[in-house]
Amino acid sequence: MTVSPDLATSHAAGTARAAGASRAAGASRPATPDLLRSVFRRHAAGVAVITAQGERPVGFTATSLTSVSAEPPMISFGVGTSSSSWPVLAEADHVGVHILGEHQRDLAATFARSGADRFGAPTRWRAGPEGVPVLDGVLAWLVCRVVARVPAGDHRLMVAEVVAGDPDGAGRPLLYHEGRFNALRD
């Protein structure tokens, strides 16, 4: 690779400015799980619930949902291997992906809480395409075919191809920021 002198100088100057800004913002800390959590508390993320059907339906609240590809339509999300949902997700052929609205803070909390009866009342749901649990009242949902489970530390990165969905729910998105579920502000 060839680097022009102008670009090399600009890069070096930019690196020096960034280093100075980093020092001004505070001293760096070594990489730890707590550092990662602290940084990502500052990152606002959309809230989704991922579901799957095994002997019983399972699901969890996720903020790691990502659009991967438009052609073919694919998504990804992370799931902890210590999650109560993991044994079913490890074997599931299909998953449901639900985008929550700001009116669904309680639903997000239910699916985030360990030991909760996530599919009991007041949760409203039905069997959707491929038998996947589909939650009622969400902003949008997808049913996806799992194409990969990639080991990533204490998680698996799930990659799935969209097979069906509905983008027409009403409302505004729910966000997760600073350890709380939040609504958008105007």
C-alpha atoms as a PDB file:
ATOM      1  CA  MET A   1       0.000   0.000   0.000  1.00  0.00           C
ATOM      2  CA  THR A   2       1.265   3.453  -0.868  1.00  0.00           C
ATOM      3  CA  VAL A   3       0.621   6.389   1.430  1.00  0.00           C
ATOM      4  CA  SER A   4       0.963   9.905   0.147  1.00  0.00           C
ATOM      5  CA  PRO A   5       3.034  12.240   2.357  1.00  0.00           C
ATOM      6  CA  ASP A   6       0.025  14.545   2.845  1.00  0.00           C
ATOM      7  CA  LEU A   7      -2.130  11.685   4.141  1.00  0.00           C
ATOM      8  CA  ALA A   8       0.628  10.381   6.415  1.00  0.00           C
ATOM      9  CA  THR A   9       1.084  13.858   7.918  1.00  0.00           C
ATOM     10  CA  SER A  10      -2.679  14.329   8.318  1.00  0.00           C
ATOM     11  CA  HIS A  11      -3.009  10.902   9.926  1.00  0.00           C
ATOM     12  CA  ALA A  12      -0.132  11.563  12.345  1.00  0.00           C
ATOM     13  CA  ALA A  13      -1.567  14.961  13.285  1.00  0.00           C
ATOM     14  CA  GLY A  14      -5.034  13.443  13.724  1.00  0.00           C
ATOM     15  CA  THR A  15      -3.605  10.656  15.893  1.00  0.00           C
ATOM     16  CA  ALA A  16      -1.785  13.186  18.065  1.00  0.00           C
ATOM     17  CA  ARG A  17      -4.975  15.274  18.447  1.00  0.00           C
ATOM     18  CA  ALA A  18      -6.976  12.158  19.324  1.00  0.00           C
ATOM     19  CA  ALA A  19      -4.381  11.115  21.924  1.00  0.00           C
ATOM     20  CA  GLY A  20      -4.514  14.588  23.469  1.00  0.00           C
ATOM     21  CA  ALA A  21      -8.326  14.486  23.532  1.00  0.00           C
ATOM     22  CA  SER A  22      -8.218  11.044  25.120  1.00  0.00           C
ATOM     23  CA  ARG A  23      -5.938  12.261  27.906  1.00  0.00           C
ATOM     24  CA  ALA A  24      -8.154  15.305  28.431  1.00  0.00           C
ATOM     25  CA  ALA A  25     -11.220  13.067  28.780  1.00  0.00           C
ATOM     26  CA  GLY A  26      -9.598  10.950  31.499  1.00  0.00           C
ATOM     27  CA  ALA A  27      -7.065   8.209  31.963  1.00  0.00           C
ATOM     28  CA  SER A  28      -7.628   4.978  30.101  1.00  0.00           C
ATOM     29  CA  ARG A  29      -8.487   1.844  32.033  1.00  0.00           C
ATOM     30  CA  PRO A  30      -7.578  -1.741  31.254  1.00  0.00           C
ATOM     31  CA  ALA A  31     -10.116  -3.866  29.398  1.00  0.00           C
ATOM     32  CA  THR A  32     -12.490  -5.567  31.843  1.00  0.00           C
ATOM     33  CA  PRO A  33     -16.135  -6.663  31.734  1.00  0.00           C
ATOM     34  CA  ASP A  34     -16.950  -3.646  33.935  1.00  0.00           C
ATOM     35  CA  LEU A  35     -15.266  -1.242  31.498  1.00  0.00           C
ATOM     36  CA  LEU A  36     -17.260  -2.687  28.594  1.00  0.00           C
ATOM     37  CA  ARG A  37     -20.536  -2.413  30.550  1.00  0.00           C
ATOM     38  CA  SER A  38     -19.719   1.154  31.618  1.00  0.00           C
ATOM     39  CA  VAL A  39     -18.992   2.264  28.062  1.00  0.00           C
ATOM     40  CA  PHE A  40     -22.091   0.598  26.589  1.00  0.00           C
ATOM     41  CA  ARG A  41     -24.342   2.165  29.245  1.00  0.00           C
ATOM     42  CA  ARG A  42     -23.531   5.403  27.398  1.00  0.00           C
ATOM     43  CA  HIS A  43     -24.655   3.894  24.053  1.00  0.00           C
ATOM     44  CA  ALA A  44     -28.391   4.277  23.394  1.00  0.00           C
ATOM     45  CA  ALA A  45     -29.772   1.189  21.672  1.00  0.00           C
ATOM     46  CA  GLY A  46     -33.109   0.056  20.342  1.00  0.00           C
ATOM     47  CA  VAL A  47     -34.879  -2.638  22.358  1.00  0.00           C
ATOM     48  CA  ALA A  48     -35.941  -5.948  20.837  1.00  0.00           C
ATOM     49  CA  VAL A  49     -37.253  -9.226  22.186  1.00  0.00           C
ATOM     50  CA  ILE A  50     -35.970 -12.419  20.608  1.00  0.00           C
ATOM     51  CA  THR A  51     -38.212 -15.513  20.836  1.00  0.00           C
ATOM     52  CA  ALA A  52     -37.966 -19.166  19.851  1.00  0.00           C
ATOM     53  CA  GLN A  53     -40.057 -22.298  20.313  1.00  0.00           C
ATOM     54  CA  GLY A  54     -38.730 -25.434  21.958  1.00  0.00           C
ATOM     55  CA  GLU A  55     -40.677 -27.700  24.311  1.00  0.00           C
ATOM     56  CA  ARG A  56     -41.846 -24.329  25.641  1.00  0.00           C
ATOM     57  CA  PRO A  57     -41.484 -20.826  24.229  1.00  0.00           C
ATOM     58  CA  VAL A  58     -38.401 -18.857  25.286  1.00  0.00           C
ATOM     59  CA  GLY A  59     -37.367 -15.258  24.843  1.00  0.00           C
ATOM     60  CA  PHE A  60     -35.101 -12.491  26.078  1.00  0.00           C
ATOM     61  CA  THR A  61     -34.647  -8.740  25.752  1.00  0.00           C
ATOM     62  CA  ALA A  62     -31.828  -7.766  23.387  1.00  0.00           C
ATOM     63  CA  THR A  63     -30.106  -4.500  22.543  1.00  0.00           C
ATOM     64  CA  SER A  64     -27.565  -6.132  20.218  1.00  0.00           C
ATOM     65  CA  LEU A  65     -29.875  -6.480  17.198  1.00  0.00           C
ATOM     66  CA  THR A  66     -28.192  -5.489  13.927  1.00  0.00           C
ATOM     67  CA  SER A  67     -29.211  -5.438  10.294  1.00  0.00           C
ATOM     68  CA  VAL A  68     -26.532  -7.434   8.457  1.00  0.00           C
ATOM     69  CA  SER A  69     -27.563  -7.656   4.807  1.00  0.00           C
ATOM     70  CA  ALA A  70     -30.360  -6.436   2.542  1.00  0.00           C
ATOM     71  CA  GLU A  71     -29.777  -9.119  -0.113  1.00  0.00           C
ATOM     72  CA  PRO A  72     -30.527 -11.615   1.219  1.00  0.00           C
ATOM     73  CA  PRO A  73     -32.255  -9.912   4.184  1.00  0.00           C
ATOM     74  CA  MET A  74     -30.296 -10.941   7.299  1.00  0.00           C
ATOM     75  CA  ILE A  75     -29.977  -9.852  10.925  1.00  0.00           C
ATOM     76  CA  SER A  76     -27.737 -10.715  13.868  1.00  0.00           C
ATOM     77  CA  PHE A  77     -27.924 -10.555  17.654  1.00  0.00           C
ATOM     78  CA  GLY A  78     -25.890 -11.777  20.608  1.00  0.00           C
ATOM     79  CA  VAL A  79     -27.095 -14.217  23.259  1.00  0.00           C
ATOM     80  CA  GLY A  80     -25.292 -15.292  26.418  1.00  0.00           C
ATOM     81  CA  THR A  81     -24.606 -19.008  26.712  1.00  0.00           C
ATOM     82  CA  SER A  82     -25.632 -18.812  30.376  1.00  0.00           C
ATOM     83  CA  SER A  83     -29.051 -17.391  29.393  1.00  0.00           C
ATOM     84  CA  SER A  84     -32.062 -19.557  30.195  1.00  0.00           C
ATOM     85  CA  SER A  85     -33.054 -19.141  26.518  1.00  0.00           C
ATOM     86  CA  TRP A  86     -29.746 -20.428  25.142  1.00  0.00           C
ATOM     87  CA  PRO A  87     -30.483 -24.196  25.216  1.00  0.00           C
ATOM     88  CA  VAL A  88     -33.526 -23.658  22.949  1.00  0.00           C
ATOM     89  CA  LEU A  89     -31.762 -21.062  20.752  1.00  0.00           C
ATOM     90  CA  ALA A  90     -28.798 -23.422  20.371  1.00  0.00           C
ATOM     91  CA  GLU A  91     -31.116 -25.859  18.562  1.00  0.00           C
ATOM     92  CA  ALA A  92     -33.795 -23.595  17.046  1.00  0.00           C
ATOM     93  CA  ASP A  93     -34.180 -23.454  13.271  1.00  0.00           C
ATOM     94  CA  HIS A  94     -36.159 -20.179  13.470  1.00  0.00           C
ATOM     95  CA  VAL A  95     -36.356 -17.157  15.790  1.00  0.00           C
ATOM     96  CA  GLY A  96     -38.714 -14.230  16.226  1.00  0.00           C
ATOM     97  CA  VAL A  97     -37.387 -10.671  16.389  1.00  0.00           C
ATOM     98  CA  HIS A  98     -39.678  -8.014  17.884  1.00  0.00           C
ATOM     99  CA  ILE A  99     -39.003  -4.257  17.868  1.00  0.00           C
ATOM    100  CA  LEU A 100     -40.559  -2.806  21.029  1.00  0.00           C
ATOM    101  CA  GLY A 101     -42.373   0.508  21.333  1.00  0.00           C
ATOM    102  CA  GLU A 102     -42.022   3.035  24.135  1.00  0.00           C
ATOM    103  CA  HIS A 103     -45.367   1.765  25.488  1.00  0.00           C
ATOM    104  CA  GLN A 104     -43.745  -1.647  26.147  1.00  0.00           C
ATOM    105  CA  ARG A 105     -41.307  -0.929  28.986  1.00  0.00           C
ATOM    106  CA  ASP A 106     -43.003  -3.550  31.167  1.00  0.00           C
ATOM    107  CA  LEU A 107     -42.715  -6.157  28.408  1.00  0.00           C
ATOM    108  CA  ALA A 108     -39.014  -5.343  27.952  1.00  0.00           C
ATOM    109  CA  ALA A 109     -38.477  -5.670  31.713  1.00  0.00           C
ATOM    110  CA  THR A 110     -40.345  -8.993  31.844  1.00  0.00           C
ATOM    111  CA  PHE A 111     -38.199 -10.523  29.099  1.00  0.00           C
ATOM    112  CA  ALA A 112     -35.043  -9.120  30.757  1.00  0.00           C
ATOM    113  CA  ARG A 113     -35.841 -10.501  34.218  1.00  0.00           C
ATOM    114  CA  SER A 114     -34.364 -13.865  35.174  1.00  0.00           C
ATOM    115  CA  GLY A 115     -36.948 -16.391  36.303  1.00  0.00           C
ATOM    116  CA  ALA A 116     -39.947 -14.408  34.990  1.00  0.00           C
ATOM    117  CA  ASP A 117     -42.919 -16.149  33.376  1.00  0.00           C
ATOM    118  CA  ARG A 118     -42.259 -14.323  30.120  1.00  0.00           C
ATOM    119  CA  PHE A 119     -45.167 -15.803  28.160  1.00  0.00           C
ATOM    120  CA  GLY A 120     -47.748 -15.727  30.972  1.00  0.00           C
ATOM    121  CA  ALA A 121     -50.313 -12.949  31.447  1.00  0.00           C
ATOM    122  CA  PRO A 122     -50.196 -10.075  30.696  1.00  0.00           C
ATOM    123  CA  THR A 123     -47.913 -10.977  27.715  1.00  0.00           C
ATOM    124  CA  ARG A 124     -50.010 -11.394  24.566  1.00  0.00           C
ATOM    125  CA  TRP A 125     -48.601 -13.631  21.850  1.00  0.00           C
ATOM    126  CA  ARG A 126     -49.480 -16.210  19.228  1.00  0.00           C
ATOM    127  CA  ALA A 127     -47.738 -18.895  17.198  1.00  0.00           C
ATOM    128  CA  GLY A 128     -46.484 -17.210  14.026  1.00  0.00           C
ATOM    129  CA  PRO A 129     -44.767 -18.482  10.895  1.00  0.00           C
ATOM    130  CA  GLU A 130     -42.661 -21.590  11.472  1.00  0.00           C
ATOM    131  CA  GLY A 131     -44.332 -21.942  14.911  1.00  0.00           C
ATOM    132  CA  VAL A 132     -42.254 -19.080  16.347  1.00  0.00           C
ATOM    133  CA  PRO A 133     -43.853 -17.083  19.201  1.00  0.00           C
ATOM    134  CA  VAL A 134     -44.898 -13.665  17.846  1.00  0.00           C
ATOM    135  CA  LEU A 135     -45.634 -10.938  20.390  1.00  0.00           C
ATOM    136  CA  ASP A 136     -48.715  -8.729  19.940  1.00  0.00           C
ATOM    137  CA  GLY A 137     -48.606  -4.938  19.909  1.00  0.00           C
ATOM    138  CA  VAL A 138     -44.961  -4.510  18.853  1.00  0.00           C
ATOM    139  CA  LEU A 139     -43.763  -1.880  16.375  1.00  0.00           C
ATOM    140  CA  ALA A 140     -42.497  -4.543  13.981  1.00  0.00           C
ATOM    141  CA  TRP A 141     -41.588  -8.216  13.950  1.00  0.00           C
ATOM    142  CA  LEU A 142     -39.625 -10.695  11.852  1.00  0.00           C
ATOM    143  CA  VAL A 143     -39.374 -14.456  11.761  1.00  0.00           C
ATOM    144  CA  CYS A 144     -35.901 -15.553  10.681  1.00  0.00           C
ATOM    145  CA  ARG A 145     -34.157 -18.815   9.788  1.00  0.00           C
ATOM    146  CA  VAL A 146     -30.952 -19.294  11.783  1.00  0.00           C
ATOM    147  CA  VAL A 147     -27.957 -19.618   9.454  1.00  0.00           C
ATOM    148  CA  ALA A 148     -25.024 -19.357  11.908  1.00  0.00           C
ATOM    149  CA  ARG A 149     -24.104 -19.438  15.588  1.00  0.00           C
ATOM    150  CA  VAL A 150     -20.666 -17.874  15.955  1.00  0.00           C
ATOM    151  CA  PRO A 151     -18.758 -18.331  19.251  1.00  0.00           C
ATOM    152  CA  ALA A 152     -17.897 -14.931  20.753  1.00  0.00           C
ATOM    153  CA  GLY A 153     -16.568 -15.171  24.316  1.00  0.00           C
ATOM    154  CA  ASP A 154     -19.390 -16.035  26.727  1.00  0.00           C
ATOM    155  CA  HIS A 155     -21.955 -15.318  23.982  1.00  0.00           C
ATOM    156  CA  ARG A 156     -22.930 -16.582  20.573  1.00  0.00           C
ATOM    157  CA  LEU A 157     -23.519 -14.228  17.681  1.00  0.00           C
ATOM    158  CA  MET A 158     -26.626 -15.511  15.944  1.00  0.00           C
ATOM    159  CA  VAL A 159     -27.031 -14.723  12.242  1.00  0.00           C
ATOM    160  CA  ALA A 160     -30.447 -15.313  10.688  1.00  0.00           C
ATOM    161  CA  GLU A 161     -32.177 -14.786   7.341  1.00  0.00           C
ATOM    162  CA  VAL A 162     -35.590 -13.102   7.307  1.00  0.00           C
ATOM    163  CA  VAL A 163     -38.467 -15.316   6.090  1.00  0.00           C
ATOM    164  CA  ALA A 164     -41.537 -13.251   7.133  1.00  0.00           C
ATOM    165  CA  GLY A 165     -42.499 -10.157   9.092  1.00  0.00           C
ATOM    166  CA  ASP A 166     -44.728  -7.154   9.674  1.00  0.00           C
ATOM    167  CA  PRO A 167     -43.379  -3.564   9.901  1.00  0.00           C
ATOM    168  CA  ASP A 168     -46.733  -1.851  10.526  1.00  0.00           C
ATOM    169  CA  GLY A 169     -47.126  -1.556  14.310  1.00  0.00           C
ATOM    170  CA  ALA A 170     -48.011   1.838  15.752  1.00  0.00           C
ATOM    171  CA  GLY A 171     -45.904   3.959  18.068  1.00  0.00           C
ATOM    172  CA  ARG A 172     -42.375   5.141  18.696  1.00  0.00           C
ATOM    173  CA  PRO A 173     -39.348   2.956  19.527  1.00  0.00           C
ATOM    174  CA  LEU A 174     -38.220   2.030  23.018  1.00  0.00           C
ATOM    175  CA  LEU A 175     -34.550   2.774  23.783  1.00  0.00           C
ATOM    176  CA  TYR A 176     -32.139   1.416  26.387  1.00  0.00           C
ATOM    177  CA  HIS A 177     -29.668   3.905  27.858  1.00  0.00           C
ATOM    178  CA  GLU A 178     -27.841   4.276  31.199  1.00  0.00           C
ATOM    179  CA  GLY A 179     -29.371   1.015  32.464  1.00  0.00           C
ATOM    180  CA  ARG A 180     -32.987   2.132  31.870  1.00  0.00           C
ATOM    181  CA  PHE A 181     -35.676   1.809  29.223  1.00  0.00           C
ATOM    182  CA  ASN A 182     -36.387   5.255  27.755  1.00  0.00           C
ATOM    183  CA  ALA A 183     -38.635   7.007  25.253  1.00  0.00           C
ATOM    184  CA  LEU A 184     -37.381   9.316  22.526  1.00  0.00           C
ATOM    185  CA  ARG A 185     -37.598  13.015  23.325  1.00  0.00           C
ATOM    186  CA  ASP A 186     -38.784  15.590  20.819  1.00  0.00           C
END
